[in-house]
Each structure stands twice: as C-alpha cells, then as structure tokens.
Amino acid sequence: MTPTRRAALSAFALASAAFTADCGAAARPSEGVLETGTLASGLVPSPVKYTVLRPPGHAAAGLPLLLFLHGGDGDNGFLARFQHTIDAAWAADELAPCLVVTPDADRSLYLDYFDGSQKWETFIVEELIPDLRRTYGLANGRSATVVAGISMGGLGAARLGLKHPELFGGLAALEPGVEPALRFADVRTRNAFQRGRPFIEARFGSPVNEAWWQANNPANVAIARRDAIAAAKLAIYLDVGDLDMFHIDEGTEFLHRVLWDQRILHEYRLLRGADHLGRTLAPRVGEALKWLDAQVLRPPPPDASYRAGLAGVNTLKRLAGVDDALRRPPLPPTQ
C-alpha cells in the first residue's frame, strides 16, 4: 500500500470512528451488558476477539443470535460504538432480546481467501456460530439467527446470508461494499479504488481468479443459489445512500436489480442525500434492526385486514385471464 493510500484510509478510519462514537452521545436508555471473548482457530489469525452485547435484564440462554459485522476500518469495538442504537431498539420494543456479537475480522471481507491462508467464511459458519450457541446456550435454527453489517460488514452479511440460507433467517446489508458487475474483469476503478490491486489479489489470487471472485460475489451467488434462497424465504434488506462516497449506491442498486430479475423477494432502500458516514447512519441501523425483528425474529400474524378487497381483485384477475397479477411469474429452474 502506498503512503498516500495509507494516509487516506487512516483519515477515513479516524472520521468513521469519531462519527460512530458520537452515535452514543445522547441520553441512553437502559444499557445492555458488553463482554469480550476470544476463540482459537486454525482457519484464521488466532485467537479471534469478539464482543458480545446482552440485553439488559436478560440471561443469554435461549436468546436468538444477531451477528453484527464491522466495516473495513473497524474491529470488534464497532459493537460498543453502536450500543446506543441497539439499546434504543430494545427499549422501544423494536428488536427482540437477542445476543449481538461482533467478531474482529480485520479487512478480510469475511471471505475464504483463494490461497487458503485465511478462511473467514468457514470460521464464522463452522466455528464461531456453533461456539457461541454452545457457550451462551442460544436458540438454534434459522428463525433465531440473523446477520447484519455496514460497508465491508454489509458485504459480509450479503455474502453469508445468500450463500447459507439454511443457516440464516435474514440479512441486513447496509451500504454493502459490492461492485456493480458479474465479472471481476468488468469492475471499474470508481467502484473499487479504496481497495487496490494488491489487496484484491491477496484475497482472490494473483492474478485474480475469476471463478473464485464470482463464487463469492453476492450478485453471482444470488443467481447461482436462487432456488435455495427462494425456498428458504430468506429475508433480505438492502440499504444505501445515493451520495455514497465510495459509489456503493451503484453496486447496491446492481444487486437489487439482480435480486429483482431473479424473483428473489427483498426490501431495498435508497436514501436521498445520505452518504457512507454522517448522521443518517445510526437511524438507518435502527431501521434495519426493526425490519429484521418484524421479518424474522418476531414476525406478526398475516395481515387479514384487506381480505375482502383481495377477493374482489382476484375475481377481476380471473375474469381478465390474469394469472396471479400481484406476483411476477416464476423463472424456469436454474440449469
């Protein structure tokens, strides 16, 4: 990494840390309990530090798990900087009591490296989550396991959720660091300037292995795993600002379009005037937590308030020869 690039990223990291620290400056509701742990592993640089946030007045046993992934400038301390937002969601009953966990994943992209030197996806899926469930006596199952993240963490949440719909009931990817492409060869500098070629090659091979990049690119994963994602009814939430300084709005819009074209149900929010940092971020995290709660952790009963009107619409559809006009027709099975 050149001195200029290192200095620029350091300045961004300081600005990000200053902002997220301010997220907790307002009057606090009852505070959850923060704990720090470590987990030894042969898959990644070890031991891995992680921070846990337990809701006030609750033991961990039986709680669902919210994996909350930090961005490229962060570490497990990221969770403490967003504690106020999570505490506020609990206080407002907009998030079910759950164990929130942030592992320190450095700038790994939460990825298994092409050369096998670091296997972060495998570590999280096969070691970290099972260990947390055993250690804290957490609830098992998809409906009790969700993943969320910001920036690099949003990329990690998208990839982990889409690749493992059998494990996660839902994902919330806020300003995820995805590129608007289905081939690495088509990624433009404007969408990856913050990473640099050496950074990418350390993770995807030198030269970049196109097949490995595609196997880990969320848009490609959505296409390849469409049937499994749809069958699992994975809850998917995407959020990005239209002024994102890294042009992540372009990559998130691209991922949204891929999900739309693949008939994969999801929610997508493009926020007018929002950047990668700034005062919109903490409220956006709160909205994502509220959404995961309603979609996965504590879904409400089906809405029957419009049933009579729906019956009338269905009659009109039958008379017009329209087959289920409220849903897009299914695609043929993937090859």
Protein backbone atom coordinates (compact mmCIF):
# COMPACT_ATOMS: atom_id res chain seq x y z
CA MET A 1 0.00 0.00 0.00
CA THR A 2 1.39 3.39 -0.96
CA PRO A 3 1.92 6.09 1.72
CA THR A 4 -0.75 8.24 0.07
CA ARG A 5 -3.33 5.43 0.09
CA ARG A 6 -2.43 4.51 3.68
CA ALA A 7 -2.82 8.11 4.82
CA ALA A 8 -6.16 8.49 3.06
CA LEU A 9 -7.58 5.31 4.58
CA SER A 10 -6.27 6.31 8.02
CA ALA A 11 -8.06 9.63 7.74
CA PHE A 12 -11.26 7.84 6.77
CA ALA A 13 -10.90 5.43 9.70
CA LEU A 14 -10.48 8.34 12.14
CA ALA A 15 -13.53 10.11 10.72
CA SER A 16 -15.58 6.92 10.90
CA ALA A 17 -14.53 6.20 14.48
CA ALA A 18 -15.34 9.77 15.51
CA PHE A 19 -18.79 9.55 13.95
CA THR A 20 -19.72 6.19 15.44
CA ALA A 21 -18.50 7.32 18.84
CA ASP A 22 -20.93 10.25 18.61
CA CYS A 23 -23.77 7.77 17.99
CA GLY A 24 -23.86 7.09 21.72
CA ALA A 25 -23.55 10.68 22.90
CA ALA A 26 -27.28 11.25 23.51
CA ALA A 27 -29.11 10.25 26.69
CA ARG A 28 -29.05 6.48 26.94
CA PRO A 29 -31.84 4.01 27.67
CA SER A 30 -31.04 1.08 29.95
CA GLU A 31 -27.73 -0.30 28.75
CA GLY A 32 -27.04 -3.84 27.69
CA VAL A 33 -24.08 -5.76 29.07
CA LEU A 34 -20.89 -5.75 26.98
CA GLU A 35 -18.48 -8.67 27.19
CA THR A 36 -15.35 -9.58 25.24
CA GLY A 37 -14.27 -13.09 24.38
CA THR A 38 -11.80 -14.95 22.19
CA LEU A 39 -11.96 -18.07 20.07
CA ALA A 40 -8.92 -20.03 18.94
CA SER A 41 -8.96 -21.27 15.37
CA GLY A 42 -6.72 -22.84 12.79
CA LEU A 43 -8.68 -21.22 9.97
CA VAL A 44 -7.81 -17.56 10.55
CA PRO A 45 -5.26 -15.49 12.52
CA SER A 46 -5.91 -16.65 16.05
CA PRO A 47 -7.26 -16.10 18.62
CA VAL A 48 -10.19 -14.12 17.23
CA LYS A 49 -11.53 -11.43 19.54
CA TYR A 50 -15.26 -10.81 19.63
CA THR A 51 -17.55 -8.50 21.57
CA VAL A 52 -20.95 -9.54 22.87
CA LEU A 53 -23.87 -7.29 23.81
CA ARG A 54 -26.53 -8.87 26.02
CA PRO A 55 -29.87 -7.09 26.50
CA PRO A 56 -30.46 -5.55 29.95
CA GLY A 57 -32.25 -7.84 32.36
CA HIS A 58 -31.83 -10.97 30.24
CA ALA A 59 -29.67 -14.02 30.56
CA ALA A 60 -28.17 -15.19 27.29
CA ALA A 61 -29.69 -18.69 27.41
CA GLY A 62 -32.41 -19.19 24.83
CA LEU A 63 -31.83 -15.88 23.02
CA PRO A 64 -31.54 -15.60 19.23
CA LEU A 65 -28.24 -14.51 17.68
CA LEU A 66 -27.64 -11.28 15.76
CA LEU A 67 -24.25 -11.33 14.08
CA PHE A 68 -23.33 -7.64 13.57
CA LEU A 69 -20.34 -7.27 11.21
CA HIS A 70 -17.99 -4.29 11.26
CA GLY A 71 -16.71 -2.31 8.29
CA GLY A 72 -13.26 -2.28 6.75
CA ASP A 73 -11.98 0.37 9.17
CA GLY A 74 -13.27 -1.46 12.26
CA ASP A 75 -12.80 -4.29 14.69
CA ASN A 76 -14.90 -5.89 17.43
CA GLY A 77 -15.02 -2.49 19.18
CA PHE A 78 -17.50 -1.47 16.47
CA LEU A 79 -20.29 -3.04 18.54
CA ALA A 80 -19.69 -0.73 21.50
CA ARG A 81 -19.89 2.29 19.22
CA PHE A 82 -23.37 1.24 18.09
CA GLN A 83 -24.57 0.09 21.51
CA HIS A 84 -26.78 3.16 21.97
CA THR A 85 -28.69 2.38 18.76
CA ILE A 86 -29.22 -1.25 19.78
CA ASP A 87 -30.18 -0.32 23.36
CA ALA A 88 -32.70 2.18 21.98
CA ALA A 89 -34.22 -0.51 19.73
CA TRP A 90 -34.62 -2.81 22.73
CA ALA A 91 -36.10 -0.03 24.85
CA ALA A 92 -38.65 0.79 22.14
CA ASP A 93 -39.50 -2.93 21.72
CA GLU A 94 -38.39 -2.69 18.09
CA LEU A 95 -35.85 -5.51 18.46
CA ALA A 96 -36.39 -8.79 20.27
CA PRO A 97 -33.99 -9.54 23.11
CA CYS A 98 -31.05 -11.20 21.40
CA LEU A 99 -27.34 -11.74 21.77
CA VAL A 100 -25.49 -9.33 19.47
CA VAL A 101 -21.95 -10.39 18.52
CA THR A 102 -19.23 -8.65 16.52
CA PRO A 103 -16.05 -10.60 15.69
CA ASP A 104 -12.81 -8.82 14.80
CA ALA A 105 -12.31 -9.82 11.17
CA ASP A 106 -9.72 -7.17 10.18
CA ARG A 107 -10.15 -6.28 6.45
CA SER A 108 -10.86 -9.88 5.46
CA LEU A 109 -14.09 -9.16 3.53
CA TYR A 110 -15.41 -12.10 5.62
CA LEU A 111 -14.04 -14.26 2.85
CA ASP A 112 -12.23 -17.56 2.44
CA TYR A 113 -9.04 -16.47 0.66
CA PHE A 114 -8.28 -18.13 -2.66
CA ASP A 115 -4.92 -19.45 -1.44
CA GLY A 116 -6.47 -20.95 1.69
CA SER A 117 -4.33 -18.87 4.05
CA GLN A 118 -7.40 -17.40 5.79
CA LYS A 119 -10.89 -18.88 5.81
CA TRP A 120 -13.20 -16.32 7.39
CA GLU A 121 -16.48 -17.57 5.96
CA THR A 122 -15.74 -21.11 7.10
CA PHE A 123 -14.65 -19.83 10.52
CA ILE A 124 -17.88 -17.90 11.06
CA VAL A 125 -20.21 -20.64 9.81
CA GLU A 126 -18.48 -23.72 11.20
CA GLU A 127 -16.71 -22.47 14.32
CA LEU A 128 -17.88 -19.09 15.61
CA ILE A 129 -21.67 -19.53 15.43
CA PRO A 130 -21.65 -23.09 16.86
CA ASP A 131 -19.28 -21.98 19.64
CA LEU A 132 -21.49 -19.00 20.54
CA ARG A 133 -24.54 -21.25 20.66
CA ARG A 134 -22.77 -23.68 23.00
CA THR A 135 -21.12 -21.05 25.18
CA TYR A 136 -24.22 -18.91 25.71
CA GLY A 137 -26.93 -21.55 25.32
CA LEU A 138 -28.50 -19.70 22.40
CA ALA A 139 -31.58 -20.74 20.47
CA ASN A 140 -30.91 -22.78 17.35
CA GLY A 141 -32.44 -22.58 13.91
CA ARG A 142 -32.81 -20.09 11.07
CA SER A 143 -35.54 -18.07 12.76
CA ALA A 144 -33.16 -17.42 15.63
CA THR A 145 -30.12 -16.46 13.54
CA VAL A 146 -29.72 -13.22 11.59
CA VAL A 147 -26.75 -11.32 10.20
CA ALA A 148 -26.31 -7.58 9.62
CA GLY A 149 -23.39 -5.33 8.79
CA ILE A 150 -22.20 -1.99 7.50
CA SER A 151 -19.92 -1.39 4.50
CA MET A 152 -17.48 -4.33 4.45
CA GLY A 153 -19.78 -5.84 7.07
CA GLY A 154 -22.72 -5.29 4.73
CA LEU A 155 -20.83 -7.17 2.04
CA GLY A 156 -20.16 -9.95 4.55
CA ALA A 157 -23.80 -10.07 5.61
CA ALA A 158 -24.97 -10.27 1.99
CA ARG A 159 -22.50 -13.00 1.07
CA LEU A 160 -23.02 -15.09 4.21
CA GLY A 161 -26.80 -14.85 4.06
CA LEU A 162 -27.07 -15.59 0.34
CA LYS A 163 -24.57 -18.47 0.46
CA HIS A 164 -26.09 -20.01 3.61
CA PRO A 165 -29.88 -19.54 3.58
CA GLU A 166 -30.15 -22.79 5.52
CA LEU A 167 -28.36 -21.10 8.44
CA PHE A 168 -29.66 -17.52 8.46
CA GLY A 169 -33.29 -16.47 8.57
CA GLY A 170 -32.47 -12.97 7.41
CA LEU A 171 -29.78 -10.49 6.47
CA ALA A 172 -29.49 -6.72 6.55
CA ALA A 173 -26.74 -5.33 4.32
CA LEU A 174 -26.26 -1.60 4.89
CA GLU A 175 -24.15 0.19 2.26
CA PRO A 176 -22.58 -3.16 1.37
CA GLY A 177 -19.21 -2.97 -0.37
CA VAL A 178 -20.36 -4.76 -3.52
CA GLU A 179 -19.37 -3.94 -7.09
CA PRO A 180 -21.85 -3.50 -9.96
CA ALA A 181 -20.58 -6.42 -12.05
CA LEU A 182 -20.91 -10.14 -12.63
CA ARG A 183 -17.27 -10.49 -13.71
CA PHE A 184 -14.20 -9.08 -11.98
CA ALA A 185 -12.93 -8.01 -15.39
CA ASP A 186 -15.89 -5.60 -15.57
CA VAL A 187 -15.28 -3.91 -12.20
CA ARG A 188 -14.40 -0.26 -12.73
CA THR A 189 -11.81 1.64 -10.69
CA ARG A 190 -14.50 4.04 -9.41
CA ASN A 191 -16.16 1.08 -7.65
CA ALA A 192 -13.02 -0.42 -6.07
CA PHE A 193 -10.49 2.42 -5.68
CA GLN A 194 -10.42 2.08 -1.88
CA ARG A 195 -9.10 -1.47 -2.06
CA GLY A 196 -6.34 -1.53 -4.64
CA ARG A 197 -4.98 -4.38 -6.71
CA PRO A 198 -2.61 -5.90 -4.09
CA PHE A 199 -5.47 -6.02 -1.57
CA ILE A 200 -7.77 -7.80 -4.01
CA GLU A 201 -5.10 -10.23 -5.23
CA ALA A 202 -4.23 -11.25 -1.67
CA ARG A 203 -7.82 -12.44 -1.30
CA PHE A 204 -8.80 -13.62 -4.79
CA GLY A 205 -5.47 -14.75 -6.25
CA SER A 206 -2.68 -13.12 -8.25
CA PRO A 207 -3.81 -12.67 -10.93
CA VAL A 208 -7.40 -12.60 -9.68
CA ASN A 209 -9.09 -15.95 -10.14
CA GLU A 210 -12.30 -15.04 -11.96
CA ALA A 211 -14.16 -18.17 -10.89
CA TRP A 212 -13.31 -17.61 -7.20
CA TRP A 213 -14.34 -13.96 -7.41
CA GLN A 214 -17.67 -14.91 -8.98
CA ALA A 215 -18.24 -17.67 -6.42
CA ASN A 216 -18.03 -15.02 -3.69
CA ASN A 217 -19.69 -12.06 -5.39
CA PRO A 218 -23.19 -11.60 -3.87
CA ALA A 219 -24.86 -10.91 -7.23
CA ASN A 220 -23.44 -14.10 -8.75
CA VAL A 221 -24.31 -16.03 -5.59
CA ALA A 222 -27.91 -14.81 -5.84
CA ILE A 223 -28.15 -16.17 -9.37
CA ALA A 224 -26.44 -19.48 -8.59
CA ARG A 225 -28.36 -20.05 -5.33
CA ARG A 226 -31.69 -18.57 -6.41
CA ASP A 227 -33.78 -21.70 -5.86
CA ALA A 228 -32.34 -22.36 -2.38
CA ILE A 229 -32.75 -18.70 -1.36
CA ALA A 230 -36.34 -18.63 -2.54
CA ALA A 231 -37.19 -21.97 -0.93
CA ALA A 232 -35.79 -20.79 2.40
CA LYS A 233 -37.73 -17.50 2.15
CA LEU A 234 -34.59 -15.69 3.25
CA ALA A 235 -35.44 -12.17 4.44
CA ILE A 236 -33.16 -9.70 2.62
CA TYR A 237 -32.75 -5.99 3.40
CA LEU A 238 -30.54 -3.64 1.39
CA ASP A 239 -29.81 -0.01 2.32
CA VAL A 240 -27.56 2.63 0.77
CA GLY A 241 -27.32 6.40 0.42
CA ASP A 242 -27.42 7.96 -3.03
CA LEU A 243 -24.37 10.11 -2.21
CA ASP A 244 -22.15 7.25 -1.03
CA MET A 245 -18.54 8.44 -1.20
CA PHE A 246 -17.38 5.02 -2.43
CA HIS A 247 -20.12 4.83 -5.11
CA ILE A 248 -21.57 1.85 -3.27
CA ASP A 249 -25.01 3.04 -4.33
CA GLU A 250 -24.11 1.74 -7.81
CA GLY A 251 -23.19 -1.72 -6.52
CA THR A 252 -26.20 -1.95 -4.22
CA GLU A 253 -28.57 -0.87 -6.99
CA PHE A 254 -26.98 -3.54 -9.20
CA LEU A 255 -27.50 -6.22 -6.54
CA HIS A 256 -31.10 -5.07 -6.11
CA ARG A 257 -31.69 -5.42 -9.86
CA VAL A 258 -30.20 -8.92 -9.88
CA LEU A 259 -32.43 -9.95 -6.98
CA TRP A 260 -35.44 -8.41 -8.75
CA ASP A 261 -34.68 -10.17 -12.03
CA GLN A 262 -34.20 -13.48 -10.20
CA ARG A 263 -37.60 -13.07 -8.48
CA ILE A 264 -35.92 -13.08 -5.07
CA LEU A 265 -38.10 -11.16 -2.63
CA HIS A 266 -36.26 -8.41 -0.76
CA GLU A 267 -36.53 -4.86 0.54
CA TYR A 268 -34.33 -2.13 -0.94
CA ARG A 269 -33.95 1.40 0.42
CA LEU A 270 -32.07 4.11 -1.47
CA LEU A 271 -31.80 7.10 0.85
CA ARG A 272 -31.86 10.53 -0.72
CA GLY A 273 -28.95 12.73 0.33
CA ALA A 274 -27.27 10.08 2.52
CA ASP A 275 -23.54 9.34 2.41
CA HIS A 276 -21.40 6.47 3.69
CA LEU A 277 -20.98 8.25 7.02
CA GLY A 278 -22.92 11.01 8.73
CA ARG A 279 -25.99 11.49 10.87
CA THR A 280 -28.22 9.20 8.80
CA LEU A 281 -26.25 6.06 9.63
CA ALA A 282 -27.35 5.34 13.21
CA PRO A 283 -31.07 5.77 12.40
CA ARG A 284 -30.60 3.53 9.36
CA VAL A 285 -29.11 0.83 11.59
CA GLY A 286 -32.13 1.19 13.86
CA GLU A 287 -34.48 0.74 10.89
CA ALA A 288 -32.61 -2.38 9.78
CA LEU A 289 -32.85 -3.90 13.26
CA LYS A 290 -36.57 -3.13 13.40
CA TRP A 291 -37.02 -4.76 9.98
CA LEU A 292 -35.15 -7.95 10.94
CA ASP A 293 -37.23 -8.16 14.09
CA ALA A 294 -40.52 -7.95 12.19
CA GLN A 295 -39.44 -10.22 9.34
CA VAL A 296 -37.55 -12.94 11.21
CA LEU A 297 -37.30 -12.73 15.00
CA ARG A 298 -40.90 -11.75 15.83
CA PRO A 299 -42.99 -11.72 12.65
CA PRO A 300 -46.59 -10.56 13.13
CA PRO A 301 -49.53 -12.76 12.11
CA PRO A 302 -50.65 -12.48 8.47
CA ASP A 303 -52.49 -9.27 7.64
CA ALA A 304 -56.14 -10.15 7.07
CA SER A 305 -57.43 -6.56 7.15
CA TYR A 306 -57.85 -6.35 3.37
CA ARG A 307 -59.11 -9.90 2.72
CA ALA A 308 -62.49 -8.81 1.35
CA GLY A 309 -60.87 -6.40 -1.09
CA LEU A 310 -58.39 -9.02 -2.17
CA ALA A 311 -61.20 -11.42 -3.01
CA GLY A 312 -62.67 -8.81 -5.35
CA VAL A 313 -59.34 -8.20 -7.05
CA ASN A 314 -58.83 -11.93 -7.51
CA THR A 315 -62.24 -12.13 -9.18
CA LEU A 316 -61.23 -9.38 -11.61
CA LYS A 317 -58.00 -11.22 -12.37
CA ARG A 318 -59.85 -14.44 -13.17
CA LEU A 319 -62.29 -12.59 -15.42
CA ALA A 320 -59.39 -10.93 -17.24
CA GLY A 321 -57.45 -14.18 -17.57
CA VAL A 322 -54.58 -12.85 -15.47
CA ASP A 323 -52.62 -15.44 -13.51
CA ASP A 324 -51.61 -14.07 -10.11
CA ALA A 325 -51.01 -10.47 -11.20
CA LEU A 326 -49.79 -9.49 -7.76
CA ARG A 327 -46.64 -11.60 -8.23
CA ARG A 328 -44.15 -11.72 -11.04
CA PRO A 329 -44.27 -15.05 -12.91
CA PRO A 330 -41.61 -17.56 -11.84
CA LEU A 331 -38.47 -18.10 -13.84
CA PRO A 332 -37.69 -21.56 -15.20
CA PRO A 333 -35.46 -23.71 -12.95
CA THR A 334 -31.77 -22.81 -13.00
CA GLN A 335 -29.51 -25.00 -15.09
